[in-house]
Amino acid sequence: MTATVLMVPLILVTMLFVVQFALAYYARTVVSGAAQDGASAAARRNASTDDGVALAESLVEDAAGSLLESHNVAASVADDTVTVRVEGEVVSVLPFFGTITITGSSSARIEDFTPQGAGP
């Protein structure tokens, strides 16, 4: 009987750890996908980094809005490449466990149209 009383809390805490890390894994998958889609949108011809940030923001809100306490989306351009970075903090199901910070980043080459025969 004493062993059962000790094992039940241990099993429950272990299950909560599994749930916590499953939530973090899912949120990381969403954040990475949103960063990839945001970079792709920002790299389109005649698009801006604001377009990529807006798309990534909406994807994170739709798919993982309740899983994240907070999130931040930023985009930058260097040479002919745009990079979108999404960062968030996963909601904690364990009161004594700190928050897990996840990040996703993706880069895409900015599209440029060169007519046929107009090469270098």
N, C-alpha and C. Protein backbone atom coordinates (compact mmCIF):
# COMPACT_ATOMS: atom_id res chain seq x y z
N MET A 1 0.83 -1.19 0.00
CA MET A 1 0.00 0.00 0.00
C MET A 1 0.87 1.26 0.00
N THR A 2 1.95 1.25 0.79
CA THR A 2 2.82 2.41 0.86
C THR A 2 3.50 2.67 -0.48
N ALA A 3 3.88 1.61 -1.18
CA ALA A 3 4.52 1.77 -2.48
C ALA A 3 3.56 2.39 -3.48
N THR A 4 2.29 2.02 -3.42
CA THR A 4 1.29 2.58 -4.32
C THR A 4 1.10 4.07 -4.05
N VAL A 5 1.07 4.44 -2.81
CA VAL A 5 0.90 5.85 -2.44
C VAL A 5 2.08 6.68 -2.95
N LEU A 6 3.26 6.13 -2.96
CA LEU A 6 4.43 6.84 -3.45
C LEU A 6 4.52 6.84 -4.98
N MET A 7 4.05 5.80 -5.61
CA MET A 7 4.16 5.67 -7.06
C MET A 7 3.17 6.55 -7.82
N VAL A 8 1.97 6.75 -7.31
CA VAL A 8 0.95 7.52 -8.02
C VAL A 8 1.42 8.96 -8.28
N PRO A 9 1.91 9.70 -7.29
CA PRO A 9 2.39 11.05 -7.58
C PRO A 9 3.56 11.05 -8.56
N LEU A 10 4.44 10.08 -8.45
CA LEU A 10 5.58 10.00 -9.36
C LEU A 10 5.12 9.76 -10.80
N ILE A 11 4.15 8.90 -10.98
CA ILE A 11 3.62 8.63 -12.32
C ILE A 11 2.90 9.86 -12.86
N LEU A 12 2.15 10.54 -12.03
CA LEU A 12 1.45 11.75 -12.48
C LEU A 12 2.42 12.85 -12.90
N VAL A 13 3.45 13.07 -12.13
CA VAL A 13 4.45 14.09 -12.48
C VAL A 13 5.18 13.70 -13.77
N THR A 14 5.48 12.43 -13.92
CA THR A 14 6.13 11.96 -15.14
C THR A 14 5.22 12.20 -16.34
N MET A 15 3.95 11.93 -16.20
CA MET A 15 3.00 12.16 -17.30
C MET A 15 2.91 13.65 -17.64
N LEU A 16 2.95 14.51 -16.64
CA LEU A 16 2.92 15.95 -16.89
C LEU A 16 4.18 16.41 -17.63
N PHE A 17 5.34 15.82 -17.29
CA PHE A 17 6.57 16.13 -18.03
C PHE A 17 6.45 15.72 -19.49
N VAL A 18 5.88 14.56 -19.73
CA VAL A 18 5.69 14.09 -21.10
C VAL A 18 4.76 15.04 -21.85
N VAL A 19 3.68 15.46 -21.23
CA VAL A 19 2.75 16.40 -21.86
C VAL A 19 3.44 17.73 -22.12
N GLN A 20 4.23 18.22 -21.16
CA GLN A 20 4.93 19.49 -21.32
C GLN A 20 5.86 19.46 -22.53
N PHE A 21 6.63 18.41 -22.66
CA PHE A 21 7.57 18.34 -23.77
C PHE A 21 6.87 18.04 -25.10
N ALA A 22 5.74 17.36 -25.05
CA ALA A 22 4.95 17.16 -26.28
C ALA A 22 4.39 18.50 -26.76
N LEU A 23 3.92 19.33 -25.84
CA LEU A 23 3.44 20.67 -26.20
C LEU A 23 4.57 21.51 -26.79
N ALA A 24 5.74 21.42 -26.19
CA ALA A 24 6.89 22.18 -26.69
C ALA A 24 7.30 21.69 -28.08
N TYR A 25 7.26 20.39 -28.31
CA TYR A 25 7.61 19.85 -29.61
C TYR A 25 6.61 20.31 -30.68
N TYR A 26 5.34 20.24 -30.36
CA TYR A 26 4.33 20.68 -31.32
C TYR A 26 4.46 22.18 -31.60
N ALA A 27 4.65 22.97 -30.56
CA ALA A 27 4.80 24.41 -30.74
C ALA A 27 6.04 24.72 -31.57
N ARG A 28 7.11 23.99 -31.37
CA ARG A 28 8.33 24.21 -32.16
C ARG A 28 8.09 23.86 -33.62
N THR A 29 7.32 22.82 -33.88
CA THR A 29 6.99 22.46 -35.25
C THR A 29 6.18 23.57 -35.92
N VAL A 30 5.21 24.11 -35.21
CA VAL A 30 4.39 25.20 -35.75
C VAL A 30 5.24 26.44 -36.00
N VAL A 31 6.08 26.79 -35.05
CA VAL A 31 6.93 27.98 -35.17
C VAL A 31 7.90 27.84 -36.34
N SER A 32 8.49 26.66 -36.49
CA SER A 32 9.42 26.44 -37.62
C SER A 32 8.69 26.53 -38.96
N GLY A 33 7.51 25.95 -39.04
CA GLY A 33 6.73 26.03 -40.28
C GLY A 33 6.30 27.45 -40.60
N ALA A 34 5.92 28.19 -39.57
CA ALA A 34 5.52 29.58 -39.77
C ALA A 34 6.70 30.42 -40.25
N ALA A 35 7.88 30.17 -39.70
CA ALA A 35 9.07 30.90 -40.14
C ALA A 35 9.39 30.57 -41.60
N GLN A 36 9.25 29.31 -41.97
CA GLN A 36 9.53 28.91 -43.35
C GLN A 36 8.54 29.54 -44.32
N ASP A 37 7.26 29.49 -44.00
CA ASP A 37 6.25 30.10 -44.87
C ASP A 37 6.40 31.62 -44.91
N GLY A 38 6.75 32.23 -43.78
CA GLY A 38 6.96 33.67 -43.74
C GLY A 38 8.14 34.10 -44.60
N ALA A 39 9.22 33.33 -44.55
CA ALA A 39 10.38 33.65 -45.38
C ALA A 39 10.04 33.50 -46.86
N SER A 40 9.29 32.49 -47.18
CA SER A 40 8.87 32.28 -48.57
C SER A 40 8.00 33.43 -49.06
N ALA A 41 7.07 33.88 -48.22
CA ALA A 41 6.19 34.99 -48.60
C ALA A 41 6.97 36.29 -48.74
N ALA A 42 7.93 36.52 -47.87
CA ALA A 42 8.71 37.76 -47.93
C ALA A 42 9.68 37.76 -49.11
N ALA A 43 10.04 36.57 -49.60
CA ALA A 43 10.99 36.48 -50.70
C ALA A 43 10.33 36.60 -52.07
N ARG A 44 9.02 36.60 -52.11
CA ARG A 44 8.35 36.72 -53.40
C ARG A 44 8.65 38.06 -54.05
N ARG A 45 8.59 38.06 -55.36
CA ARG A 45 8.83 39.29 -56.11
C ARG A 45 7.80 40.34 -55.73
N ASN A 46 8.24 41.55 -55.52
CA ASN A 46 7.41 42.70 -55.13
C ASN A 46 6.78 42.54 -53.75
N ALA A 47 7.30 41.66 -52.91
CA ALA A 47 6.81 41.51 -51.54
C ALA A 47 7.79 42.21 -50.60
N SER A 48 7.36 42.40 -49.37
CA SER A 48 8.22 43.02 -48.37
C SER A 48 8.36 42.10 -47.17
N THR A 49 9.26 42.46 -46.27
CA THR A 49 9.41 41.67 -45.05
C THR A 49 8.15 41.73 -44.20
N ASP A 50 7.40 42.82 -44.33
CA ASP A 50 6.14 42.93 -43.58
C ASP A 50 5.15 41.85 -44.00
N ASP A 51 5.16 41.48 -45.28
CA ASP A 51 4.28 40.41 -45.75
C ASP A 51 4.65 39.08 -45.09
N GLY A 52 5.93 38.80 -44.99
CA GLY A 52 6.38 37.57 -44.35
C GLY A 52 6.09 37.55 -42.87
N VAL A 53 6.29 38.68 -42.22
CA VAL A 53 6.01 38.76 -40.78
C VAL A 53 4.52 38.57 -40.53
N ALA A 54 3.68 39.20 -41.34
CA ALA A 54 2.22 39.09 -41.16
C ALA A 54 1.76 37.65 -41.35
N LEU A 55 2.29 36.97 -42.36
CA LEU A 55 1.90 35.58 -42.58
C LEU A 55 2.36 34.69 -41.44
N ALA A 56 3.61 34.83 -41.02
CA ALA A 56 4.12 34.01 -39.92
C ALA A 56 3.34 34.28 -38.64
N GLU A 57 3.01 35.54 -38.39
CA GLU A 57 2.24 35.91 -37.20
C GLU A 57 0.87 35.23 -37.22
N SER A 58 0.19 35.28 -38.35
CA SER A 58 -1.15 34.68 -38.42
C SER A 58 -1.09 33.16 -38.31
N LEU A 59 -0.07 32.54 -38.88
CA LEU A 59 0.07 31.08 -38.76
C LEU A 59 0.31 30.65 -37.32
N VAL A 60 1.15 31.39 -36.62
CA VAL A 60 1.41 31.06 -35.21
C VAL A 60 0.15 31.26 -34.38
N GLU A 61 -0.57 32.36 -34.61
CA GLU A 61 -1.80 32.62 -33.87
C GLU A 61 -2.85 31.53 -34.11
N ASP A 62 -3.00 31.12 -35.38
CA ASP A 62 -4.02 30.12 -35.71
C ASP A 62 -3.68 28.74 -35.18
N ALA A 63 -2.43 28.33 -35.30
CA ALA A 63 -2.07 26.96 -34.97
C ALA A 63 -1.58 26.76 -33.54
N ALA A 64 -0.98 27.77 -32.94
CA ALA A 64 -0.39 27.57 -31.61
C ALA A 64 -0.64 28.74 -30.68
N GLY A 65 -1.65 29.54 -30.95
CA GLY A 65 -1.90 30.72 -30.13
C GLY A 65 -2.11 30.41 -28.66
N SER A 66 -2.82 29.31 -28.36
CA SER A 66 -3.09 28.98 -26.96
C SER A 66 -1.93 28.21 -26.31
N LEU A 67 -0.99 27.73 -27.12
CA LEU A 67 0.15 27.00 -26.57
C LEU A 67 1.30 27.91 -26.16
N LEU A 68 1.27 29.14 -26.64
CA LEU A 68 2.37 30.06 -26.36
C LEU A 68 1.92 31.19 -25.46
N GLU A 69 2.70 31.44 -24.42
CA GLU A 69 2.41 32.59 -23.55
C GLU A 69 2.66 33.89 -24.30
N SER A 70 3.73 33.91 -25.07
CA SER A 70 4.06 35.07 -25.88
C SER A 70 4.89 34.60 -27.07
N HIS A 71 4.88 35.41 -28.11
CA HIS A 71 5.72 35.09 -29.26
C HIS A 71 6.12 36.38 -29.97
N ASN A 72 7.20 36.28 -30.74
CA ASN A 72 7.74 37.42 -31.45
C ASN A 72 8.16 36.97 -32.84
N VAL A 73 7.81 37.77 -33.85
CA VAL A 73 8.19 37.46 -35.23
C VAL A 73 8.99 38.65 -35.75
N ALA A 74 10.14 38.36 -36.35
CA ALA A 74 11.00 39.41 -36.91
C ALA A 74 11.57 38.94 -38.24
N ALA A 75 11.82 39.89 -39.12
CA ALA A 75 12.39 39.58 -40.42
C ALA A 75 13.55 40.52 -40.71
N SER A 76 14.52 40.03 -41.44
CA SER A 76 15.65 40.85 -41.83
C SER A 76 16.08 40.48 -43.24
N VAL A 77 16.73 41.43 -43.90
CA VAL A 77 17.22 41.22 -45.26
C VAL A 77 18.72 41.46 -45.27
N ALA A 78 19.45 40.53 -45.86
CA ALA A 78 20.89 40.67 -46.04
C ALA A 78 21.22 40.24 -47.46
N ASP A 79 21.79 41.14 -48.22
CA ASP A 79 22.11 40.90 -49.64
C ASP A 79 20.83 40.53 -50.39
N ASP A 80 20.74 39.31 -50.89
CA ASP A 80 19.56 38.90 -51.64
C ASP A 80 18.78 37.80 -50.91
N THR A 81 18.92 37.77 -49.58
CA THR A 81 18.27 36.74 -48.76
C THR A 81 17.44 37.39 -47.66
N VAL A 82 16.24 36.87 -47.47
CA VAL A 82 15.39 37.33 -46.38
C VAL A 82 15.32 36.21 -45.34
N THR A 83 15.39 36.60 -44.07
CA THR A 83 15.32 35.65 -42.97
C THR A 83 14.18 36.04 -42.04
N VAL A 84 13.34 35.06 -41.71
CA VAL A 84 12.25 35.27 -40.76
C VAL A 84 12.54 34.42 -39.54
N ARG A 85 12.46 35.03 -38.36
CA ARG A 85 12.73 34.34 -37.09
C ARG A 85 11.50 34.48 -36.20
N VAL A 86 11.04 33.35 -35.68
CA VAL A 86 9.89 33.32 -34.78
C VAL A 86 10.35 32.72 -33.46
N GLU A 87 10.01 33.38 -32.38
CA GLU A 87 10.40 32.93 -31.04
C GLU A 87 9.17 32.96 -30.15
N GLY A 88 9.05 31.98 -29.26
CA GLY A 88 7.90 31.94 -28.36
C GLY A 88 8.21 31.21 -27.08
N GLU A 89 7.36 31.42 -26.09
CA GLU A 89 7.47 30.72 -24.81
C GLU A 89 6.26 29.81 -24.63
N VAL A 90 6.52 28.54 -24.43
CA VAL A 90 5.47 27.54 -24.31
C VAL A 90 4.81 27.64 -22.94
N VAL A 91 3.50 27.49 -22.91
CA VAL A 91 2.74 27.51 -21.66
C VAL A 91 3.21 26.34 -20.79
N SER A 92 3.37 26.60 -19.51
CA SER A 92 3.84 25.57 -18.59
C SER A 92 2.66 24.87 -17.92
N VAL A 93 2.64 23.53 -17.96
CA VAL A 93 1.61 22.77 -17.27
C VAL A 93 2.07 22.37 -15.88
N LEU A 94 3.35 22.55 -15.60
CA LEU A 94 3.91 22.26 -14.29
C LEU A 94 4.22 23.57 -13.59
N PRO A 95 3.61 23.83 -12.43
CA PRO A 95 3.80 25.12 -11.77
C PRO A 95 5.23 25.40 -11.34
N PHE A 96 6.01 24.39 -11.03
CA PHE A 96 7.38 24.60 -10.56
C PHE A 96 8.39 24.52 -11.69
N PHE A 97 7.91 24.30 -12.89
CA PHE A 97 8.78 24.15 -14.06
C PHE A 97 8.78 25.46 -14.83
N GLY A 98 9.94 25.94 -15.20
CA GLY A 98 10.04 27.20 -15.94
C GLY A 98 9.49 27.07 -17.35
N THR A 99 9.42 28.19 -18.03
CA THR A 99 8.92 28.17 -19.40
C THR A 99 10.00 27.66 -20.35
N ILE A 100 9.56 27.08 -21.43
CA ILE A 100 10.46 26.59 -22.47
C ILE A 100 10.40 27.59 -23.62
N THR A 101 11.54 28.13 -24.01
CA THR A 101 11.60 29.07 -25.13
C THR A 101 11.97 28.30 -26.39
N ILE A 102 11.17 28.49 -27.43
CA ILE A 102 11.42 27.82 -28.70
C ILE A 102 11.66 28.86 -29.78
N THR A 103 12.45 28.50 -30.77
CA THR A 103 12.71 29.41 -31.89
C THR A 103 12.65 28.63 -33.19
N GLY A 104 12.30 29.35 -34.22
CA GLY A 104 12.33 28.81 -35.57
C GLY A 104 12.82 29.90 -36.50
N SER A 105 13.68 29.55 -37.40
CA SER A 105 14.25 30.54 -38.31
C SER A 105 14.35 29.92 -39.70
N SER A 106 14.08 30.73 -40.71
CA SER A 106 14.19 30.24 -42.08
C SER A 106 14.62 31.38 -42.99
N SER A 107 15.37 31.03 -44.00
CA SER A 107 15.85 32.02 -44.97
C SER A 107 15.43 31.60 -46.37
N ALA A 108 15.22 32.59 -47.22
CA ALA A 108 14.87 32.34 -48.61
C ALA A 108 15.50 33.41 -49.48
N ARG A 109 15.89 33.03 -50.66
CA ARG A 109 16.47 33.97 -51.59
C ARG A 109 15.36 34.80 -52.22
N ILE A 110 15.55 36.10 -52.28
CA ILE A 110 14.55 37.00 -52.83
C ILE A 110 14.45 36.77 -54.34
N GLU A 111 13.21 36.60 -54.81
CA GLU A 111 12.99 36.34 -56.22
C GLU A 111 13.36 37.55 -57.06
N ASP A 112 13.99 37.26 -58.18
CA ASP A 112 14.39 38.32 -59.10
C ASP A 112 14.11 37.82 -60.51
N PHE A 113 13.40 38.61 -61.28
CA PHE A 113 13.06 38.21 -62.64
C PHE A 113 14.09 38.75 -63.62
N THR A 114 14.67 37.84 -64.38
CA THR A 114 15.60 38.22 -65.43
C THR A 114 15.05 37.68 -66.74
N PRO A 115 14.69 38.54 -67.68
CA PRO A 115 14.14 38.07 -68.95
C PRO A 115 15.13 37.20 -69.70
N GLN A 116 14.60 36.28 -70.49
CA GLN A 116 15.44 35.39 -71.26
C GLN A 116 16.30 36.19 -72.24
N GLY A 117 17.56 35.86 -72.28
CA GLY A 117 18.49 36.56 -73.16
C GLY A 117 19.09 37.81 -72.56
N ALA A 118 18.68 38.17 -71.33
CA ALA A 118 19.21 39.38 -70.71
C ALA A 118 20.23 39.02 -69.63
N GLY A 119 20.90 37.89 -69.79
CA GLY A 119 21.86 37.42 -68.78
C GLY A 119 23.08 38.31 -68.73
N PRO A 120 23.97 37.99 -67.84
CA PRO A 120 25.16 38.83 -67.64
C PRO A 120 26.15 38.80 -68.77
